[in-house]
Amino acid sequence: QSQFVESGGGLVQPGGSLRLSCAAYERAFDAYTIGWFRQAPGKEREGVSCISSVDGSTYYEDSVRGRFTVSRDNAKNTAYLQMNSLKPEDTAVYYCAAEPAVSSGCLEPNRYGYWGQGTQVTVRS
């Protein structure tokens, strides 16, 4: 069964950076679109960014565009979310999700069947 495991969360000051990783235990990793989602206490899970397996397109939620960068290294079976200029409102549990061949709508959580366990990101002084 496919598994996807996040790492890299932690506590950082406003303006700081973190890089999240999503390691896949899946032979056909390159066939999976990877989405990054976050959920803050009392809020719904929201799409942050995604990278399509179909054509490599990347998508970003408006509040993170220009600050976050999604990428993948298929040789390492790993996807990344580089987060710069972090703000307190970025505090949440971050999840990676995966599904084969998702292209459009890849920021919608219901497009994904595989989810990691989540990693906490806390931004505060």
N, C-alpha and C. Protein backbone atom coordinates (compact mmCIF):
# COMPACT_ATOMS: atom_id res chain seq x y z
N GLN A 1 0.85 -1.19 0.00
CA GLN A 1 0.00 0.00 0.00
C GLN A 1 0.88 1.24 0.00
N SER A 2 0.50 2.23 -0.76
CA SER A 2 1.28 3.45 -0.86
C SER A 2 1.26 4.21 0.47
N GLN A 3 2.42 4.75 0.81
CA GLN A 3 2.52 5.57 2.01
C GLN A 3 3.25 6.85 1.68
N PHE A 4 2.80 7.91 2.32
CA PHE A 4 3.40 9.22 2.14
C PHE A 4 3.61 9.82 3.52
N VAL A 5 4.85 10.23 3.80
CA VAL A 5 5.22 10.65 5.16
C VAL A 5 5.82 12.04 5.10
N GLU A 6 5.22 12.97 5.86
CA GLU A 6 5.74 14.33 5.92
C GLU A 6 6.80 14.47 7.01
N SER A 7 7.68 15.43 6.81
CA SER A 7 8.64 15.80 7.83
C SER A 7 9.05 17.25 7.59
N GLY A 8 9.73 17.85 8.57
CA GLY A 8 10.28 19.18 8.40
C GLY A 8 9.55 20.28 9.12
N GLY A 9 8.44 19.96 9.78
CA GLY A 9 7.74 20.99 10.52
C GLY A 9 8.51 21.42 11.75
N GLY A 10 8.01 22.45 12.41
CA GLY A 10 8.66 22.92 13.62
C GLY A 10 8.19 24.31 14.00
N LEU A 11 8.93 24.90 14.93
CA LEU A 11 8.65 26.24 15.41
C LEU A 11 9.62 27.22 14.76
N VAL A 12 9.10 28.29 14.20
CA VAL A 12 9.93 29.29 13.53
C VAL A 12 9.38 30.67 13.81
N GLN A 13 10.26 31.65 13.83
CA GLN A 13 9.83 33.03 14.03
C GLN A 13 9.24 33.61 12.76
N PRO A 14 8.39 34.60 12.89
CA PRO A 14 7.86 35.28 11.70
C PRO A 14 9.00 35.77 10.81
N GLY A 15 8.82 35.56 9.52
CA GLY A 15 9.85 35.91 8.56
C GLY A 15 10.82 34.79 8.28
N GLY A 16 10.75 33.73 9.05
CA GLY A 16 11.65 32.60 8.87
C GLY A 16 11.21 31.65 7.77
N SER A 17 11.96 30.56 7.64
CA SER A 17 11.72 29.58 6.57
C SER A 17 11.72 28.17 7.13
N LEU A 18 10.99 27.32 6.45
CA LEU A 18 11.00 25.88 6.71
C LEU A 18 10.85 25.18 5.37
N ARG A 19 11.39 23.98 5.30
CA ARG A 19 11.15 23.14 4.12
C ARG A 19 10.52 21.84 4.58
N LEU A 20 9.32 21.60 4.10
CA LEU A 20 8.63 20.35 4.37
C LEU A 20 8.97 19.33 3.29
N SER A 21 9.07 18.08 3.70
CA SER A 21 9.31 16.99 2.77
C SER A 21 8.16 16.00 2.85
N CYS A 22 7.89 15.39 1.74
CA CYS A 22 6.88 14.33 1.66
C CYS A 22 7.56 13.14 0.98
N ALA A 23 7.92 12.16 1.78
CA ALA A 23 8.60 10.98 1.27
C ALA A 23 7.58 9.91 0.91
N ALA A 24 7.73 9.35 -0.27
CA ALA A 24 6.76 8.37 -0.77
C ALA A 24 7.35 6.98 -0.78
N TYR A 25 6.63 6.05 -0.22
CA TYR A 25 7.01 4.65 -0.29
C TYR A 25 6.14 4.03 -1.38
N GLU A 26 6.48 4.37 -2.59
CA GLU A 26 5.64 4.07 -3.74
C GLU A 26 6.54 4.04 -4.98
N ARG A 27 6.51 2.90 -5.66
CA ARG A 27 7.40 2.72 -6.81
C ARG A 27 7.08 3.67 -7.96
N ALA A 28 5.79 3.98 -8.10
CA ALA A 28 5.39 4.82 -9.23
C ALA A 28 5.18 6.26 -8.79
N PHE A 29 6.08 6.77 -7.95
CA PHE A 29 5.91 8.11 -7.38
C PHE A 29 5.69 9.15 -8.47
N ASP A 30 6.38 9.01 -9.60
CA ASP A 30 6.29 10.05 -10.62
C ASP A 30 4.90 10.14 -11.25
N ALA A 31 4.07 9.14 -11.02
CA ALA A 31 2.71 9.17 -11.56
C ALA A 31 1.71 9.88 -10.66
N TYR A 32 2.17 10.27 -9.48
CA TYR A 32 1.27 10.87 -8.50
C TYR A 32 1.38 12.38 -8.49
N THR A 33 0.24 13.04 -8.59
CA THR A 33 0.19 14.46 -8.28
C THR A 33 0.28 14.62 -6.76
N ILE A 34 1.07 15.57 -6.31
CA ILE A 34 1.25 15.82 -4.88
C ILE A 34 0.61 17.15 -4.51
N GLY A 35 -0.20 17.11 -3.51
CA GLY A 35 -0.82 18.32 -2.98
C GLY A 35 -0.36 18.56 -1.56
N TRP A 36 -0.23 19.82 -1.22
CA TRP A 36 0.06 20.22 0.16
C TRP A 36 -1.16 20.95 0.71
N PHE A 37 -1.60 20.54 1.89
CA PHE A 37 -2.76 21.11 2.53
C PHE A 37 -2.40 21.51 3.96
N ARG A 38 -3.21 22.34 4.55
CA ARG A 38 -2.99 22.71 5.95
C ARG A 38 -4.33 22.86 6.66
N GLN A 39 -4.29 22.63 7.94
CA GLN A 39 -5.48 22.77 8.74
C GLN A 39 -5.12 23.40 10.07
N ALA A 40 -5.67 24.58 10.30
CA ALA A 40 -5.49 25.28 11.57
C ALA A 40 -6.63 24.91 12.51
N PRO A 41 -6.43 25.04 13.81
CA PRO A 41 -7.49 24.71 14.77
C PRO A 41 -8.78 25.47 14.47
N GLY A 42 -9.88 24.72 14.41
CA GLY A 42 -11.17 25.34 14.18
C GLY A 42 -11.46 25.73 12.75
N LYS A 43 -10.55 25.38 11.84
CA LYS A 43 -10.74 25.74 10.43
C LYS A 43 -10.76 24.50 9.57
N GLU A 44 -11.30 24.66 8.38
CA GLU A 44 -11.32 23.56 7.43
C GLU A 44 -9.94 23.37 6.79
N ARG A 45 -9.72 22.18 6.34
CA ARG A 45 -8.48 21.91 5.62
C ARG A 45 -8.49 22.68 4.30
N GLU A 46 -7.38 23.34 3.98
CA GLU A 46 -7.31 24.13 2.76
C GLU A 46 -6.10 23.73 1.93
N GLY A 47 -6.26 23.84 0.62
CA GLY A 47 -5.16 23.57 -0.28
C GLY A 47 -4.17 24.71 -0.28
N VAL A 48 -2.91 24.37 -0.21
CA VAL A 48 -1.83 25.36 -0.18
C VAL A 48 -1.10 25.40 -1.52
N SER A 49 -0.73 24.21 -2.01
CA SER A 49 0.02 24.14 -3.26
C SER A 49 -0.06 22.72 -3.79
N CYS A 50 0.20 22.56 -5.07
CA CYS A 50 0.23 21.23 -5.64
C CYS A 50 1.12 21.24 -6.89
N ILE A 51 1.59 20.05 -7.22
CA ILE A 51 2.42 19.88 -8.40
C ILE A 51 1.90 18.66 -9.15
N SER A 52 1.52 18.89 -10.37
CA SER A 52 0.85 17.87 -11.15
C SER A 52 1.85 16.85 -11.72
N SER A 53 1.45 15.58 -11.72
CA SER A 53 2.26 14.55 -12.37
C SER A 53 2.02 14.54 -13.88
N VAL A 54 0.93 15.18 -14.32
CA VAL A 54 0.56 15.12 -15.73
C VAL A 54 1.50 15.98 -16.57
N ASP A 55 1.72 17.24 -16.11
CA ASP A 55 2.56 18.14 -16.91
C ASP A 55 3.51 18.96 -16.07
N GLY A 56 3.60 18.66 -14.78
CA GLY A 56 4.52 19.38 -13.91
C GLY A 56 4.03 20.75 -13.50
N SER A 57 2.79 21.09 -13.85
CA SER A 57 2.28 22.41 -13.47
C SER A 57 2.20 22.54 -11.96
N THR A 58 2.41 23.74 -11.49
CA THR A 58 2.31 24.03 -10.06
C THR A 58 1.21 25.05 -9.80
N TYR A 59 0.60 24.94 -8.67
CA TYR A 59 -0.51 25.81 -8.30
C TYR A 59 -0.31 26.25 -6.85
N TYR A 60 -0.78 27.46 -6.55
CA TYR A 60 -0.63 28.00 -5.21
C TYR A 60 -1.90 28.72 -4.78
N GLU A 61 -2.20 28.57 -3.51
CA GLU A 61 -3.27 29.36 -2.91
C GLU A 61 -2.79 30.81 -2.84
N ASP A 62 -3.71 31.75 -2.96
CA ASP A 62 -3.32 33.16 -3.11
C ASP A 62 -2.45 33.66 -1.96
N SER A 63 -2.73 33.24 -0.74
CA SER A 63 -2.01 33.81 0.40
C SER A 63 -0.56 33.34 0.50
N VAL A 64 -0.20 32.28 -0.23
CA VAL A 64 1.17 31.76 -0.15
C VAL A 64 1.95 32.00 -1.43
N ARG A 65 1.26 32.44 -2.49
CA ARG A 65 1.96 32.62 -3.77
C ARG A 65 3.07 33.67 -3.60
N GLY A 66 4.25 33.32 -4.09
CA GLY A 66 5.41 34.21 -3.95
C GLY A 66 6.22 33.94 -2.70
N ARG A 67 5.67 33.19 -1.76
CA ARG A 67 6.39 32.85 -0.53
C ARG A 67 6.73 31.37 -0.47
N PHE A 68 5.83 30.53 -0.99
CA PHE A 68 6.01 29.08 -0.94
C PHE A 68 6.37 28.57 -2.33
N THR A 69 7.17 27.51 -2.37
CA THR A 69 7.53 26.87 -3.63
C THR A 69 7.41 25.37 -3.49
N VAL A 70 6.65 24.76 -4.37
CA VAL A 70 6.49 23.31 -4.39
C VAL A 70 7.43 22.72 -5.44
N SER A 71 7.98 21.57 -5.13
CA SER A 71 8.87 20.89 -6.08
C SER A 71 8.84 19.40 -5.80
N ARG A 72 9.48 18.66 -6.67
CA ARG A 72 9.56 17.21 -6.47
C ARG A 72 10.85 16.69 -7.07
N ASP A 73 11.35 15.64 -6.46
CA ASP A 73 12.52 14.93 -6.98
C ASP A 73 12.09 13.48 -7.15
N ASN A 74 11.72 13.13 -8.36
CA ASN A 74 11.19 11.78 -8.58
C ASN A 74 12.24 10.70 -8.33
N ALA A 75 13.50 11.02 -8.52
CA ALA A 75 14.56 10.04 -8.27
C ALA A 75 14.66 9.71 -6.78
N LYS A 76 14.25 10.65 -5.94
CA LYS A 76 14.29 10.43 -4.49
C LYS A 76 12.92 10.11 -3.92
N ASN A 77 11.92 10.01 -4.80
CA ASN A 77 10.55 9.74 -4.33
C ASN A 77 10.12 10.73 -3.26
N THR A 78 10.45 11.99 -3.46
CA THR A 78 10.17 12.99 -2.44
C THR A 78 9.66 14.28 -3.08
N ALA A 79 8.67 14.87 -2.42
CA ALA A 79 8.20 16.20 -2.80
C ALA A 79 8.51 17.16 -1.67
N TYR A 80 8.59 18.45 -2.03
CA TYR A 80 9.00 19.45 -1.05
C TYR A 80 8.05 20.65 -1.09
N LEU A 81 7.97 21.30 0.04
CA LEU A 81 7.30 22.60 0.09
C LEU A 81 8.24 23.55 0.83
N GLN A 82 8.88 24.42 0.07
CA GLN A 82 9.76 25.44 0.66
C GLN A 82 8.89 26.62 1.07
N MET A 83 8.95 26.95 2.35
CA MET A 83 8.11 28.03 2.87
C MET A 83 9.01 29.15 3.39
N ASN A 84 8.92 30.29 2.76
CA ASN A 84 9.70 31.46 3.15
C ASN A 84 8.78 32.57 3.66
N SER A 85 9.37 33.54 4.33
CA SER A 85 8.62 34.70 4.84
C SER A 85 7.38 34.25 5.60
N LEU A 86 7.58 33.30 6.48
CA LEU A 86 6.43 32.73 7.20
C LEU A 86 5.77 33.75 8.10
N LYS A 87 4.46 33.60 8.22
CA LYS A 87 3.64 34.50 9.02
C LYS A 87 2.90 33.70 10.10
N PRO A 88 2.50 34.33 11.18
CA PRO A 88 1.75 33.59 12.21
C PRO A 88 0.51 32.90 11.65
N GLU A 89 -0.11 33.49 10.65
CA GLU A 89 -1.31 32.87 10.07
C GLU A 89 -1.01 31.63 9.24
N ASP A 90 0.27 31.32 9.04
CA ASP A 90 0.64 30.07 8.39
C ASP A 90 0.67 28.90 9.37
N THR A 91 0.49 29.19 10.64
CA THR A 91 0.50 28.13 11.65
C THR A 91 -0.64 27.15 11.41
N ALA A 92 -0.29 25.86 11.31
CA ALA A 92 -1.26 24.82 11.02
C ALA A 92 -0.55 23.47 11.02
N VAL A 93 -1.34 22.42 10.95
CA VAL A 93 -0.78 21.11 10.61
C VAL A 93 -0.79 21.01 9.09
N TYR A 94 0.35 20.67 8.54
CA TYR A 94 0.50 20.56 7.09
C TYR A 94 0.52 19.09 6.69
N TYR A 95 -0.23 18.80 5.63
CA TYR A 95 -0.35 17.44 5.13
C TYR A 95 0.07 17.39 3.66
N CYS A 96 0.72 16.30 3.29
CA CYS A 96 0.84 16.06 1.87
C CYS A 96 -0.18 14.99 1.49
N ALA A 97 -0.63 15.09 0.26
CA ALA A 97 -1.60 14.15 -0.28
C ALA A 97 -1.16 13.77 -1.68
N ALA A 98 -1.62 12.60 -2.11
CA ALA A 98 -1.19 12.10 -3.41
C ALA A 98 -2.32 11.38 -4.11
N GLU A 99 -2.31 11.48 -5.41
CA GLU A 99 -3.28 10.76 -6.23
C GLU A 99 -2.74 10.72 -7.63
N PRO A 100 -2.88 9.58 -8.31
CA PRO A 100 -2.37 9.50 -9.68
C PRO A 100 -3.07 10.46 -10.62
N ALA A 101 -2.28 11.15 -11.41
CA ALA A 101 -2.75 11.86 -12.60
C ALA A 101 -3.79 12.94 -12.37
N VAL A 102 -3.77 13.58 -11.23
CA VAL A 102 -4.65 14.74 -11.03
C VAL A 102 -4.01 15.93 -11.73
N SER A 103 -4.80 16.68 -12.48
CA SER A 103 -4.27 17.89 -13.10
C SER A 103 -5.05 19.10 -12.58
N SER A 104 -6.14 19.42 -13.19
CA SER A 104 -6.91 20.57 -12.73
C SER A 104 -7.57 20.25 -11.39
N GLY A 105 -7.78 21.28 -10.61
CA GLY A 105 -8.44 21.07 -9.32
C GLY A 105 -7.58 20.41 -8.28
N CYS A 106 -6.26 20.53 -8.43
CA CYS A 106 -5.38 19.78 -7.51
C CYS A 106 -5.23 20.46 -6.16
N LEU A 107 -5.90 21.56 -5.93
CA LEU A 107 -5.95 22.16 -4.59
C LEU A 107 -7.19 21.74 -3.82
N GLU A 108 -7.98 20.87 -4.41
CA GLU A 108 -9.19 20.39 -3.74
C GLU A 108 -8.88 19.09 -3.01
N PRO A 109 -9.09 19.04 -1.70
CA PRO A 109 -8.72 17.84 -0.95
C PRO A 109 -9.47 16.59 -1.38
N ASN A 110 -10.67 16.74 -1.91
CA ASN A 110 -11.43 15.53 -2.28
C ASN A 110 -10.90 14.87 -3.55
N ARG A 111 -9.87 15.44 -4.16
CA ARG A 111 -9.26 14.81 -5.33
C ARG A 111 -8.24 13.75 -4.95
N TYR A 112 -7.92 13.63 -3.65
CA TYR A 112 -6.81 12.79 -3.22
C TYR A 112 -7.27 11.61 -2.38
N GLY A 113 -6.64 10.49 -2.63
CA GLY A 113 -6.96 9.29 -1.86
C GLY A 113 -5.91 8.89 -0.85
N TYR A 114 -4.72 9.47 -0.97
CA TYR A 114 -3.61 9.10 -0.09
C TYR A 114 -3.17 10.33 0.68
N TRP A 115 -3.04 10.15 1.99
CA TRP A 115 -2.68 11.27 2.86
C TRP A 115 -1.58 10.86 3.83
N GLY A 116 -0.70 11.83 4.12
CA GLY A 116 0.27 11.62 5.18
C GLY A 116 -0.35 11.92 6.52
N GLN A 117 0.47 11.79 7.55
CA GLN A 117 -0.02 11.93 8.92
C GLN A 117 -0.02 13.37 9.40
N GLY A 118 0.68 14.25 8.68
CA GLY A 118 0.72 15.66 9.04
C GLY A 118 1.94 16.02 9.84
N THR A 119 2.36 17.27 9.71
CA THR A 119 3.47 17.80 10.49
C THR A 119 3.11 19.22 10.93
N GLN A 120 3.39 19.52 12.18
CA GLN A 120 2.98 20.81 12.75
C GLN A 120 3.97 21.90 12.35
N VAL A 121 3.42 23.02 11.90
CA VAL A 121 4.21 24.23 11.64
C VAL A 121 3.65 25.33 12.53
N THR A 122 4.52 25.90 13.36
CA THR A 122 4.11 26.97 14.27
C THR A 122 4.99 28.18 14.01
N VAL A 123 4.36 29.31 13.75
CA VAL A 123 5.08 30.56 13.48
C VAL A 123 4.71 31.55 14.56
N ARG A 124 5.68 31.86 15.41
CA ARG A 124 5.44 32.84 16.46
C ARG A 124 6.76 33.39 16.97
N SER A 125 6.68 34.57 17.58
CA SER A 125 7.88 35.22 18.09
C SER A 125 8.36 34.54 19.36
